[in-house]
Amino acid sequence: GGEDAETNAVAHVLPVAAARAGFDDFLESCEAAIRVVQDNEDAVAFGLAFARILEAVILGSTVDDAVRDVRETLARGTGNRNDAFFARGLAKMDAWRARPPFDVTLELGQACDFPFHAFTAPHMLLHNMSSLVAAVRETIVIGGENANRGSFVASILAAAGGEVPDAWLEKTARGAEVRALA
């Protein structure tokens, strides 16, 4: 992979998380998937933090508990030079949970690269935990780097039981097949 410091790691982790959540090789598999395209420590750190949150939710944790537990894990350190940075950022997003996502995103930055975008998606999770639809719509309205932010938020909220509207699936080429697999 290249020296890409954007938040695309989300896209690389999603299929691995769906297939490997709960297995001993989960984090190794996620890191390998990220490094195929992004051989960058910032991208790996972000991708693995996201993967840890998603895995916890897939395995039954609430979103709030998953974010807290990942923040605590990173604060203790996992061996990545970015652990403390991500732990502090997740703590800040928890403290800011009542702030509107639009304001937080404008303050942190709308760009695709680090450190601007690393915390806008976790903030949206903590702010809009109850509604997948509201969170996806809000990330679209906010603009900037909304593809990975939307993927991050939607995948975790869907894993937490958020319903993907039938109207959205009907507009998807294989929506009926996706619904059958859910």
C-alpha atoms as a PDB file:
ATOM      1  CA  GLY A   1       0.000   0.000   0.000  1.00  0.00           C
ATOM      2  CA  GLY A   2       0.869   3.641  -0.311  1.00  0.00           C
ATOM      3  CA  GLU A   3       1.648   6.336   2.225  1.00  0.00           C
ATOM      4  CA  ASP A   4      -1.990   7.464   2.295  1.00  0.00           C
ATOM      5  CA  ALA A   5      -3.042   9.278   5.483  1.00  0.00           C
ATOM      6  CA  GLU A   6      -6.754   9.537   4.798  1.00  0.00           C
ATOM      7  CA  THR A   7      -9.628   7.812   6.574  1.00  0.00           C
ATOM      8  CA  ASN A   8     -10.241   5.217   3.854  1.00  0.00           C
ATOM      9  CA  ALA A   9      -9.299   2.491   6.334  1.00  0.00           C
ATOM     10  CA  VAL A  10     -13.008   2.342   7.199  1.00  0.00           C
ATOM     11  CA  ALA A  11     -13.811   0.880   3.796  1.00  0.00           C
ATOM     12  CA  HIS A  12     -11.056  -1.724   4.082  1.00  0.00           C
ATOM     13  CA  VAL A  13     -12.132  -2.883   7.543  1.00  0.00           C
ATOM     14  CA  LEU A  14     -15.881  -3.324   6.928  1.00  0.00           C
ATOM     15  CA  PRO A  15     -15.845  -6.688   5.104  1.00  0.00           C
ATOM     16  CA  VAL A  16     -13.148  -8.070   7.399  1.00  0.00           C
ATOM     17  CA  ALA A  17     -15.138  -7.066  10.484  1.00  0.00           C
ATOM     18  CA  ALA A  18     -18.249  -8.754   9.117  1.00  0.00           C
ATOM     19  CA  ALA A  19     -16.329 -11.981   8.525  1.00  0.00           C
ATOM     20  CA  ARG A  20     -13.836 -12.060  11.426  1.00  0.00           C
ATOM     21  CA  ALA A  21     -15.454 -10.316  14.447  1.00  0.00           C
ATOM     22  CA  GLY A  22     -14.833 -12.417  17.531  1.00  0.00           C
ATOM     23  CA  PHE A  23     -11.976 -14.452  16.039  1.00  0.00           C
ATOM     24  CA  ASP A  24      -8.465 -14.357  17.502  1.00  0.00           C
ATOM     25  CA  ASP A  25      -7.005 -13.006  14.261  1.00  0.00           C
ATOM     26  CA  PHE A  26      -9.512 -10.139  13.994  1.00  0.00           C
ATOM     27  CA  LEU A  27      -7.097  -7.215  14.456  1.00  0.00           C
ATOM     28  CA  GLU A  28      -4.337  -8.839  12.402  1.00  0.00           C
ATOM     29  CA  SER A  29      -6.816  -9.419   9.565  1.00  0.00           C
ATOM     30  CA  CYS A  30      -8.043  -5.822   9.763  1.00  0.00           C
ATOM     31  CA  GLU A  31      -4.510  -4.444   9.730  1.00  0.00           C
ATOM     32  CA  ALA A  32      -3.586  -6.581   6.720  1.00  0.00           C
ATOM     33  CA  ALA A  33      -6.658  -5.302   4.853  1.00  0.00           C
ATOM     34  CA  ILE A  34      -5.759  -1.688   5.638  1.00  0.00           C
ATOM     35  CA  ARG A  35      -2.102  -2.055   4.653  1.00  0.00           C
ATOM     36  CA  VAL A  36      -2.988  -3.436   1.214  1.00  0.00           C
ATOM     37  CA  VAL A  37      -3.894   0.120   0.227  1.00  0.00           C
ATOM     38  CA  GLN A  38      -2.664   2.321   3.086  1.00  0.00           C
ATOM     39  CA  ASP A  39       0.718   1.399   4.556  1.00  0.00           C
ATOM     40  CA  ASN A  40       0.614   4.329   6.956  1.00  0.00           C
ATOM     41  CA  GLU A  41       0.653   4.191  10.762  1.00  0.00           C
ATOM     42  CA  ASP A  42      -2.016   6.900  11.108  1.00  0.00           C
ATOM     43  CA  ALA A  43      -4.379   5.022   8.784  1.00  0.00           C
ATOM     44  CA  VAL A  44      -3.700   1.738  10.585  1.00  0.00           C
ATOM     45  CA  ALA A  45      -4.291   3.295  14.015  1.00  0.00           C
ATOM     46  CA  PHE A  46      -7.557   4.895  12.899  1.00  0.00           C
ATOM     47  CA  GLY A  47      -8.694   1.763  11.091  1.00  0.00           C
ATOM     48  CA  LEU A  48      -7.986  -0.466  14.073  1.00  0.00           C
ATOM     49  CA  ALA A  49      -9.744   1.912  16.483  1.00  0.00           C
ATOM     50  CA  PHE A  50     -12.777   1.829  14.183  1.00  0.00           C
ATOM     51  CA  ALA A  51     -12.481  -1.969  13.865  1.00  0.00           C
ATOM     52  CA  ARG A  52     -12.435  -2.379  17.643  1.00  0.00           C
ATOM     53  CA  ILE A  53     -15.606  -0.289  18.011  1.00  0.00           C
ATOM     54  CA  LEU A  54     -17.364  -2.163  15.207  1.00  0.00           C
ATOM     55  CA  GLU A  55     -16.333  -5.570  16.535  1.00  0.00           C
ATOM     56  CA  ALA A  56     -17.617  -4.741  20.011  1.00  0.00           C
ATOM     57  CA  VAL A  57     -20.980  -3.661  18.612  1.00  0.00           C
ATOM     58  CA  ILE A  58     -21.224  -6.721  16.344  1.00  0.00           C
ATOM     59  CA  LEU A  59     -20.595  -8.882  19.415  1.00  0.00           C
ATOM     60  CA  GLY A  60     -23.386  -7.186  21.372  1.00  0.00           C
ATOM     61  CA  SER A  61     -21.947  -4.114  23.049  1.00  0.00           C
ATOM     62  CA  THR A  62     -23.838  -0.844  22.996  1.00  0.00           C
ATOM     63  CA  VAL A  63     -22.288   1.934  20.921  1.00  0.00           C
ATOM     64  CA  ASP A  64     -21.593   4.001  24.031  1.00  0.00           C
ATOM     65  CA  ASP A  65     -19.909   1.084  25.817  1.00  0.00           C
ATOM     66  CA  ALA A  66     -17.900   0.166  22.711  1.00  0.00           C
ATOM     67  CA  VAL A  67     -16.515   3.693  22.296  1.00  0.00           C
ATOM     68  CA  ARG A  68     -15.700   3.887  26.024  1.00  0.00           C
ATOM     69  CA  ASP A  69     -14.019   0.461  26.067  1.00  0.00           C
ATOM     70  CA  VAL A  70     -11.935   1.257  22.972  1.00  0.00           C
ATOM     71  CA  ARG A  71     -10.928   4.593  24.462  1.00  0.00           C
ATOM     72  CA  GLU A  72      -9.778   2.801  27.639  1.00  0.00           C
ATOM     73  CA  THR A  73      -7.911   0.138  25.632  1.00  0.00           C
ATOM     74  CA  LEU A  74      -6.089   2.801  23.633  1.00  0.00           C
ATOM     75  CA  ALA A  75      -5.298   4.782  26.789  1.00  0.00           C
ATOM     76  CA  ARG A  76      -3.565   1.676  28.198  1.00  0.00           C
ATOM     77  CA  GLY A  77      -1.731   1.304  24.876  1.00  0.00           C
ATOM     78  CA  THR A  78      -1.742  -1.364  22.193  1.00  0.00           C
ATOM     79  CA  GLY A  79       1.709  -0.718  20.780  1.00  0.00           C
ATOM     80  CA  ASN A  80       0.752   1.812  18.109  1.00  0.00           C
ATOM     81  CA  ARG A  81       2.389   5.232  18.432  1.00  0.00           C
ATOM     82  CA  ASN A  82      -1.034   6.847  17.921  1.00  0.00           C
ATOM     83  CA  ASP A  83      -2.877   5.127  20.804  1.00  0.00           C
ATOM     84  CA  ALA A  84      -2.718   8.072  23.209  1.00  0.00           C
ATOM     85  CA  PHE A  85      -3.765  10.517  20.465  1.00  0.00           C
ATOM     86  CA  PHE A  86      -6.861   8.461  19.631  1.00  0.00           C
ATOM     87  CA  ALA A  87      -7.709   7.864  23.291  1.00  0.00           C
ATOM     88  CA  ARG A  88      -7.605  11.617  23.993  1.00  0.00           C
ATOM     89  CA  GLY A  89      -9.642  12.353  20.863  1.00  0.00           C
ATOM     90  CA  LEU A  90     -12.346   9.820  21.776  1.00  0.00           C
ATOM     91  CA  ALA A  91     -12.497  11.292  25.288  1.00  0.00           C
ATOM     92  CA  LYS A  92     -12.946  14.768  23.807  1.00  0.00           C
ATOM     93  CA  MET A  93     -15.753  13.538  21.519  1.00  0.00           C
ATOM     94  CA  ASP A  94     -17.488  11.981  24.511  1.00  0.00           C
ATOM     95  CA  ALA A  95     -17.251  15.312  26.342  1.00  0.00           C
ATOM     96  CA  TRP A  96     -18.596  17.080  23.234  1.00  0.00           C
ATOM     97  CA  ARG A  97     -21.451  14.619  22.590  1.00  0.00           C
ATOM     98  CA  ALA A  98     -24.130  17.302  23.088  1.00  0.00           C
ATOM     99  CA  ARG A  99     -22.555  19.648  20.542  1.00  0.00           C
ATOM    100  CA  PRO A 100     -24.092  19.599  17.062  1.00  0.00           C
ATOM    101  CA  PRO A 101     -22.066  17.427  14.629  1.00  0.00           C
ATOM    102  CA  PHE A 102     -22.010  20.256  12.090  1.00  0.00           C
ATOM    103  CA  ASP A 103     -20.233  22.548  14.580  1.00  0.00           C
ATOM    104  CA  VAL A 104     -17.779  19.853  15.676  1.00  0.00           C
ATOM    105  CA  THR A 105     -16.932  18.938  12.082  1.00  0.00           C
ATOM    106  CA  LEU A 106     -16.336  22.562  11.132  1.00  0.00           C
ATOM    107  CA  GLU A 107     -14.103  23.017  14.166  1.00  0.00           C
ATOM    108  CA  LEU A 108     -12.089  19.836  13.545  1.00  0.00           C
ATOM    109  CA  GLY A 109     -12.056  20.167   9.776  1.00  0.00           C
ATOM    110  CA  GLN A 110     -13.851  18.566   6.843  1.00  0.00           C
ATOM    111  CA  ALA A 111     -10.753  17.253   5.077  1.00  0.00           C
ATOM    112  CA  CYS A 112     -10.202  13.547   4.431  1.00  0.00           C
ATOM    113  CA  ASP A 113      -6.827  13.283   6.115  1.00  0.00           C
ATOM    114  CA  PHE A 114      -5.613  13.090   9.672  1.00  0.00           C
ATOM    115  CA  PRO A 115      -5.994  14.532  12.164  1.00  0.00           C
ATOM    116  CA  PHE A 116      -8.967  16.477  10.810  1.00  0.00           C
ATOM    117  CA  HIS A 117     -11.357  13.643  10.173  1.00  0.00           C
ATOM    118  CA  ALA A 118     -10.367  11.079  12.789  1.00  0.00           C
ATOM    119  CA  PHE A 119     -12.980  12.120  15.337  1.00  0.00           C
ATOM    120  CA  THR A 120     -15.979  13.471  13.460  1.00  0.00           C
ATOM    121  CA  ALA A 121     -17.464   9.990  12.913  1.00  0.00           C
ATOM    122  CA  PRO A 122     -17.060   8.863  16.545  1.00  0.00           C
ATOM    123  CA  HIS A 123     -18.628  12.159  17.600  1.00  0.00           C
ATOM    124  CA  MET A 124     -21.634  11.497  15.370  1.00  0.00           C
ATOM    125  CA  LEU A 125     -22.006   8.044  16.926  1.00  0.00           C
ATOM    126  CA  LEU A 126     -22.091   9.525  20.393  1.00  0.00           C
ATOM    127  CA  HIS A 127     -24.403  12.348  19.318  1.00  0.00           C
ATOM    128  CA  ASN A 128     -26.855  10.403  17.091  1.00  0.00           C
ATOM    129  CA  MET A 129     -26.676   6.923  18.598  1.00  0.00           C
ATOM    130  CA  SER A 130     -30.376   6.199  18.331  1.00  0.00           C
ATOM    131  CA  SER A 131     -31.022   6.782  14.636  1.00  0.00           C
ATOM    132  CA  LEU A 132     -29.115   5.367  11.688  1.00  0.00           C
ATOM    133  CA  VAL A 133     -31.170   7.464   9.275  1.00  0.00           C
ATOM    134  CA  ALA A 134     -30.632  10.726  11.178  1.00  0.00           C
ATOM    135  CA  ALA A 135     -26.895  10.087  11.451  1.00  0.00           C
ATOM    136  CA  VAL A 136     -26.487   9.307   7.743  1.00  0.00           C
ATOM    137  CA  ARG A 137     -28.549  12.325   6.709  1.00  0.00           C
ATOM    138  CA  GLU A 138     -26.584  14.584   9.042  1.00  0.00           C
ATOM    139  CA  THR A 139     -23.232  13.399   7.690  1.00  0.00           C
ATOM    140  CA  ILE A 140     -24.433  14.168   4.157  1.00  0.00           C
ATOM    141  CA  VAL A 141     -25.573  17.653   5.157  1.00  0.00           C
ATOM    142  CA  ILE A 142     -22.272  18.377   6.917  1.00  0.00           C
ATOM    143  CA  GLY A 143     -20.354  17.714   3.715  1.00  0.00           C
ATOM    144  CA  GLY A 144     -16.621  17.473   3.411  1.00  0.00           C
ATOM    145  CA  GLU A 145     -15.357  13.919   3.725  1.00  0.00           C
ATOM    146  CA  ASN A 146     -18.737  12.313   4.203  1.00  0.00           C
ATOM    147  CA  ALA A 147     -18.229   8.969   2.426  1.00  0.00           C
ATOM    148  CA  ASN A 148     -16.018   7.387   5.081  1.00  0.00           C
ATOM    149  CA  ARG A 149     -17.756   9.250   7.910  1.00  0.00           C
ATOM    150  CA  GLY A 150     -21.084   7.903   6.669  1.00  0.00           C
ATOM    151  CA  SER A 151     -19.693   4.376   6.292  1.00  0.00           C
ATOM    152  CA  PHE A 152     -18.240   4.483   9.802  1.00  0.00           C
ATOM    153  CA  VAL A 153     -21.452   5.730  11.389  1.00  0.00           C
ATOM    154  CA  ALA A 154     -23.895   3.637   9.336  1.00  0.00           C
ATOM    155  CA  SER A 155     -22.025   0.358   9.742  1.00  0.00           C
ATOM    156  CA  ILE A 156     -21.800   0.694  13.510  1.00  0.00           C
ATOM    157  CA  LEU A 157     -25.392   1.845  13.944  1.00  0.00           C
ATOM    158  CA  ALA A 158     -26.603  -0.939  11.631  1.00  0.00           C
ATOM    159  CA  ALA A 159     -24.627  -3.476  13.680  1.00  0.00           C
ATOM    160  CA  ALA A 160     -26.299  -2.025  16.767  1.00  0.00           C
ATOM    161  CA  GLY A 161     -29.698  -2.863  15.275  1.00  0.00           C
ATOM    162  CA  GLY A 162     -30.450   0.283  13.309  1.00  0.00           C
ATOM    163  CA  GLU A 163     -32.804  -0.406  10.453  1.00  0.00           C
ATOM    164  CA  VAL A 164     -31.821   0.440   6.906  1.00  0.00           C
ATOM    165  CA  PRO A 165     -35.011   1.857   5.381  1.00  0.00           C
ATOM    166  CA  ASP A 166     -36.717  -0.264   2.728  1.00  0.00           C
ATOM    167  CA  ALA A 167     -36.839   2.809   0.465  1.00  0.00           C
ATOM    168  CA  TRP A 168     -33.017   2.928   0.525  1.00  0.00           C
ATOM    169  CA  LEU A 169     -32.689  -0.772  -0.250  1.00  0.00           C
ATOM    170  CA  GLU A 170     -35.232  -0.549  -3.084  1.00  0.00           C
ATOM    171  CA  LYS A 171     -32.913   1.940  -4.798  1.00  0.00           C
ATOM    172  CA  THR A 172     -29.959  -0.425  -4.430  1.00  0.00           C
ATOM    173  CA  ALA A 173     -29.152  -2.808  -7.300  1.00  0.00           C
ATOM    174  CA  ARG A 174     -29.135  -5.852  -4.993  1.00  0.00           C
ATOM    175  CA  GLY A 175     -31.224  -4.470  -2.147  1.00  0.00           C
ATOM    176  CA  ALA A 176     -33.496  -7.502  -1.877  1.00  0.00           C
ATOM    177  CA  GLU A 177     -30.450  -9.752  -1.554  1.00  0.00           C
ATOM    178  CA  VAL A 178     -28.994  -7.492   1.139  1.00  0.00           C
ATOM    179  CA  ARG A 179     -32.295  -7.529   3.052  1.00  0.00           C
ATOM    180  CA  ALA A 180     -32.411 -11.338   2.860  1.00  0.00           C
ATOM    181  CA  LEU A 181     -28.918 -11.557   4.370  1.00  0.00           C
ATOM    182  CA  ALA A 182     -29.736  -9.227   7.272  1.00  0.00           C
END
